[in-house]
């Protein structure tokens, strides 16, 4: 992994760590799906302008079109279902469920693009990390019908996210990440606008709070453009399952941001779960090497 790939990887972690809080703030004064539609609209306009400035043509050959469809699948399916499910599920539980992404991606990549299967140590590391996330977040969760519905919706979102990542890897081409981002946004923008129109009546701009406006701009520019550019960049240079490991790391950082920005308090379970996650990440990254060195 070169330095540029490492930098892009860290940017994705930073963006995804701040996204949950920004999503909460972006819904102040309007329906969440309208906030999502506005976010995607702004992002689409920005990337189209950037394409004109940098004079990057959008490839339209069959592989590129499949790539855009794959990216749009993850954007639309992932965001629509997670925004809807988040109304019934605590934000921490959303992070726990997205922590399953490496497992979903690894299985899908094995069947779709013939990626090598996980070693036993990687499976154990991922299991340990996911259990750590559960220890952090599931202490106060009470089971009910709405929670079950929310969990199902978020799991569907995770499936869309992982399937999209694997398909992008399968249909990757030599185009610039910006063209990939633009193509994916153009594919799914009409669907976001249609979904928002069906879900709620039109919104009143005056009712939208300043916090929501700034959050939407942040999500559009940083979350949907910078984050996607870096995500596609590392996805084209790393296996989908390794990229999906980001979703195991980001909940811990997001939790820390919640403490400083929302006054959330750590419990003893948080420390225990965080330690389990760090152990799991250590095993995931160096477990195979350690086993090989002892054989």
Foldseek 3Di string as FASTA:
>chain_A
DDPVLVVLLVLLLVLVLCLVVLLVLLPQQHQSLVLVLLLLVLLLVVLVVVCVVVVFDQDDDPLLLLLLVLLLLLSVLQVVLLSVLCVLAPPLVLLLLLLCLLVLLQVLLCPPVVDDHDDPLLVVLSVLLSVLSCLQPVPPDDDDPSNVVSSVSSNSSSNSNSSSLSSSLVSPDDGQLSSSLNSNSVVNSVVSVVVSVVVDPDGDPVSRDPSSVVSSNCCNPSVSHSSSNSLSVSSNVDRSSVSSNSSSVSSLSSVVVCCVPVVDDGDPSNVVSVVSNVVSVCSNVCVVVVVVVVD
